[in-house]
Amino acid sequence: MSTEQLSQRKTEIRKAAHAARKDQADKDGVSTQITDRVIELPEYQAAKCVMWYVDVRDEARTRHALPEALASGKRIVIPYCVEGELELFHLESMDELETGMYKILEPRVDLRNLPNKRIDVKELDLILVPGVAFDARGGRTGHGKGYYDKLLENARLETPLVSLAFECQMFEEIPMQDHDIFMDKVVTESGVYDGIGRKS
C-alpha cells in the first residue's frame, strides 16, 4: 500500500469510526462498563502513576471515573495541549479542571506551572490513550495530528499503553506505518483485546 493509499484508507476508517461513535447508544452506561474493566486490569492495579485523559466529543467517557481514580491513592495525571505538544498535569481534584478552548475540560491555567503539578512522561506506569479507531492487534489511529505519538515515543518501553473504545470503533485492520505505535491493550464494553505490543 502506497503512502497515499494508506492515508486515504485511514481517512475512510476515521470517517466510519466517527459516525459509529456518534451513533453509540447509552454512551454513559457503556463507558462505565469500559472504565470499570480498565480499573480491573492487573496493569492498572499495579500502577502507582496513571495517565488518564478527559473525554471530548463522542469519545468513551472517562470523566465519571476520575473521582474514583483520584480516591484510589494512585497519582493521576492528565494531558493537555500546548502549541501542538502534550504537557502532563498531576490532577488531585476535579476542582482543578476548567472548560478551556473547544469546550474541553482542562487543567486550570493558574496551576499548570506549579512544580508539583508538572509530570515527566517517564514517571508514568500506565498510559490510557484515546483514539478514533482500533484493531485487535492494538493498531490505532487518532485524529492524524500525532500529539499522542510524540508523547508515547518518550514513555518508558515497559509502560503499558491501554486504549478505551466502544466496540463500534474496532476495525478488521488499521493500516500502520513504521512510526505508528501499537497499543498493548484495547478495552471495549465487550472485552479486552491484547495487542502485539510496541515494536522496540
Protein backbone atom coordinates (compact mmCIF):
# COMPACT_ATOMS: atom_id res chain seq x y z
CA MET A 1 0.00 0.00 0.00
CA SER A 2 1.45 3.36 -1.02
CA THR A 3 1.65 6.23 1.46
CA GLU A 4 -1.16 7.96 -0.39
CA GLN A 5 -3.40 4.86 -0.34
CA LEU A 6 -2.61 4.33 3.33
CA SER A 7 -3.52 7.92 4.15
CA GLN A 8 -6.77 7.60 2.19
CA ARG A 9 -7.67 4.34 3.96
CA LYS A 10 -7.05 5.93 7.36
CA THR A 11 -9.30 8.85 6.39
CA GLU A 12 -12.07 6.40 5.41
CA ILE A 13 -11.69 4.48 8.69
CA ARG A 14 -11.75 7.70 10.74
CA LYS A 15 -14.93 8.82 8.99
CA ALA A 16 -16.66 5.47 9.61
CA ALA A 17 -15.48 5.36 13.24
CA HIS A 18 -16.64 8.93 13.94
CA ALA A 19 -20.09 8.12 12.56
CA ALA A 20 -20.34 4.87 14.54
CA ARG A 21 -19.14 6.56 17.74
CA LYS A 22 -21.65 9.38 17.32
CA ASP A 23 -24.50 6.84 16.98
CA GLN A 24 -23.39 4.82 20.01
CA ALA A 25 -26.40 4.32 22.29
CA ASP A 26 -26.21 4.91 26.06
CA LYS A 27 -22.71 6.39 25.95
CA ASP A 28 -22.65 6.94 29.73
CA GLY A 29 -23.64 3.39 30.64
CA VAL A 30 -21.40 1.73 28.07
CA SER A 31 -18.48 3.99 29.04
CA THR A 32 -18.87 2.93 32.67
CA GLN A 33 -18.56 -0.72 31.60
CA ILE A 34 -15.34 0.16 29.77
CA THR A 35 -13.73 2.18 32.58
CA ASP A 36 -14.70 -0.48 35.16
CA ARG A 37 -12.93 -3.06 33.02
CA VAL A 38 -9.84 -0.82 32.75
CA ILE A 39 -9.66 -0.36 36.53
CA GLU A 40 -9.80 -4.16 36.99
CA LEU A 41 -6.78 -4.76 34.70
CA PRO A 42 -3.76 -6.15 36.58
CA GLU A 43 -1.62 -3.46 34.88
CA TYR A 44 -3.88 -0.75 36.28
CA GLN A 45 -3.95 -2.28 39.74
CA ALA A 46 -0.14 -2.46 39.80
CA ALA A 47 0.46 1.09 38.52
CA LYS A 48 1.26 3.85 41.00
CA CYS A 49 1.16 6.70 38.46
CA VAL A 50 -1.55 6.52 35.78
CA MET A 51 -2.23 8.87 32.90
CA TRP A 52 -5.95 9.21 32.25
CA TYR A 53 -7.41 11.66 29.73
CA VAL A 54 -10.61 13.68 29.86
CA ASP A 55 -13.03 12.59 27.15
CA VAL A 56 -14.01 15.02 24.40
CA ARG A 57 -16.93 14.95 21.97
CA ASP A 58 -18.09 11.35 21.38
CA GLU A 59 -15.15 9.50 22.96
CA ALA A 60 -15.75 6.76 25.51
CA ARG A 61 -16.38 8.84 28.62
CA THR A 62 -13.71 8.89 31.28
CA ARG A 63 -14.64 11.90 33.43
CA HIS A 64 -17.15 9.90 35.50
CA ALA A 65 -14.32 7.51 36.52
CA LEU A 66 -11.84 10.21 37.53
CA PRO A 67 -13.21 10.83 41.06
CA GLU A 68 -12.82 7.12 41.87
CA ALA A 69 -9.35 7.12 40.34
CA LEU A 70 -8.40 10.16 42.44
CA ALA A 71 -9.66 8.45 45.60
CA SER A 72 -7.62 5.30 44.90
CA GLY A 73 -4.31 6.65 46.22
CA LYS A 74 -2.65 6.49 42.80
CA ARG A 75 -1.06 9.55 41.23
CA ILE A 76 -3.45 10.58 38.48
CA VAL A 77 -2.06 12.53 35.53
CA ILE A 78 -3.94 14.09 32.62
CA PRO A 79 -2.57 15.58 29.38
CA TYR A 80 -3.35 18.97 27.92
CA CYS A 81 -2.23 20.50 24.67
CA VAL A 82 0.12 23.50 24.32
CA GLU A 83 1.07 24.53 20.78
CA GLY A 84 0.75 21.03 19.38
CA GLU A 85 2.57 19.29 22.24
CA LEU A 86 1.03 17.36 25.13
CA GLU A 87 2.01 18.50 28.62
CA LEU A 88 1.27 16.41 31.71
CA PHE A 89 -0.56 17.62 34.81
CA HIS A 90 -0.78 15.94 38.23
CA LEU A 91 -4.52 16.01 38.97
CA GLU A 92 -5.50 15.92 42.64
CA SER A 93 -9.10 17.19 42.50
CA MET A 94 -11.82 17.66 39.89
CA ASP A 95 -11.88 21.32 41.01
CA GLU A 96 -8.52 21.75 39.28
CA LEU A 97 -10.24 21.41 35.89
CA GLU A 98 -11.98 24.15 33.91
CA THR A 99 -13.56 24.37 30.48
CA GLY A 100 -10.92 25.60 28.04
CA MET A 101 -10.72 26.06 24.29
CA TYR A 102 -13.05 23.93 22.16
CA LYS A 103 -15.12 23.35 25.35
CA ILE A 104 -12.59 20.76 26.51
CA LEU A 105 -12.13 20.19 30.25
CA GLU A 106 -8.50 21.07 31.01
CA PRO A 107 -6.23 21.81 33.98
CA ARG A 108 -6.68 25.36 35.29
CA VAL A 109 -4.16 27.70 33.69
CA ASP A 110 -3.09 29.16 37.06
CA LEU A 111 -2.00 25.71 38.29
CA ARG A 112 -0.17 24.36 35.25
CA ASN A 113 3.31 25.68 36.02
CA LEU A 114 3.39 24.80 39.70
CA PRO A 115 6.40 22.48 40.23
CA ASN A 116 4.35 19.74 41.93
CA LYS A 117 1.88 19.72 39.02
CA ARG A 118 4.31 19.12 36.18
CA ILE A 119 4.96 15.46 35.38
CA ASP A 120 7.51 13.85 33.09
CA VAL A 121 6.28 11.08 30.80
CA LYS A 122 8.96 8.76 32.22
CA GLU A 123 7.14 8.83 35.59
CA LEU A 124 4.05 7.13 34.14
CA ASP A 125 3.45 3.45 34.99
CA LEU A 126 0.39 3.13 32.74
CA ILE A 127 -0.92 5.33 29.93
CA LEU A 128 -4.56 5.42 28.85
CA VAL A 129 -4.68 6.53 25.23
CA PRO A 130 -7.70 7.85 23.34
CA GLY A 131 -8.17 7.23 19.63
CA VAL A 132 -10.63 7.17 16.78
CA ALA A 133 -10.33 3.57 15.53
CA PHE A 134 -8.51 0.39 16.56
CA ASP A 135 -7.93 -3.22 15.60
CA ALA A 136 -7.44 -6.38 17.66
CA ARG A 137 -3.63 -6.19 17.24
CA GLY A 138 -3.59 -2.87 19.09
CA GLY A 139 -3.37 -0.88 15.87
CA ARG A 140 -4.64 2.64 16.46
CA THR A 141 -5.42 5.78 14.53
CA GLY A 142 -6.07 9.13 16.15
CA HIS A 143 -7.08 12.38 14.51
CA GLY A 144 -3.89 12.43 12.45
CA LYS A 145 -2.13 15.24 14.33
CA GLY A 146 0.32 12.94 16.09
CA TYR A 147 0.03 14.53 19.57
CA TYR A 148 -0.04 11.17 21.34
CA ASP A 149 2.59 9.58 19.09
CA LYS A 150 5.08 12.27 20.15
CA LEU A 151 4.28 11.71 23.82
CA LEU A 152 4.37 7.90 23.64
CA GLU A 153 7.74 7.85 21.88
CA ASN A 154 9.24 9.20 25.10
CA ALA A 155 7.46 6.86 27.52
CA ARG A 156 9.36 4.05 29.21
CA LEU A 157 9.35 0.96 26.98
CA GLU A 158 7.82 -1.19 29.71
CA THR A 159 4.93 1.21 30.36
CA PRO A 160 1.69 -0.45 29.17
CA LEU A 161 -0.40 1.51 26.67
CA VAL A 162 -4.13 0.88 27.02
CA SER A 163 -6.85 2.37 24.83
CA LEU A 164 -10.52 2.76 25.68
CA ALA A 165 -13.04 2.41 22.87
CA PHE A 166 -16.59 1.49 22.06
CA GLU A 167 -16.84 -1.85 20.27
CA CYS A 168 -18.10 0.05 17.20
CA GLN A 169 -14.62 1.64 16.91
CA MET A 170 -12.97 -1.75 16.28
CA PHE A 171 -11.99 -2.46 12.66
CA GLU A 172 -10.52 -5.51 10.96
CA GLU A 173 -7.20 -3.78 10.33
CA ILE A 174 -5.84 -0.29 10.89
CA PRO A 175 -3.05 0.46 8.38
CA MET A 176 0.08 1.10 10.42
CA GLN A 177 3.33 2.80 9.39
CA ASP A 178 6.77 2.32 10.91
CA HIS A 179 6.42 5.34 13.19
CA ASP A 180 2.94 4.34 14.43
CA ILE A 181 2.75 2.89 17.92
CA PHE A 182 0.70 -0.20 18.78
CA MET A 183 -1.37 -0.34 21.95
CA ASP A 184 -0.73 -3.17 24.39
CA LYS A 185 -4.46 -3.50 25.07
CA VAL A 186 -7.72 -2.09 23.72
CA VAL A 187 -10.62 -2.23 26.19
CA THR A 188 -14.22 -2.10 24.97
CA GLU A 189 -17.58 -2.90 26.57
CA SER A 190 -17.28 -6.39 25.03
CA GLY A 191 -13.84 -7.34 26.30
CA VAL A 192 -10.09 -6.73 26.28
CA TYR A 193 -8.08 -7.05 23.08
CA ASP A 194 -4.45 -7.96 23.76
CA GLY A 195 -2.37 -6.15 21.18
CA ILE A 196 1.01 -7.27 19.91
CA GLY A 197 2.71 -4.58 21.97
CA ARG A 198 5.11 -1.96 20.77
CA LYS A 199 7.87 -2.63 18.33
CA SER A 200 11.12 -1.96 20.11
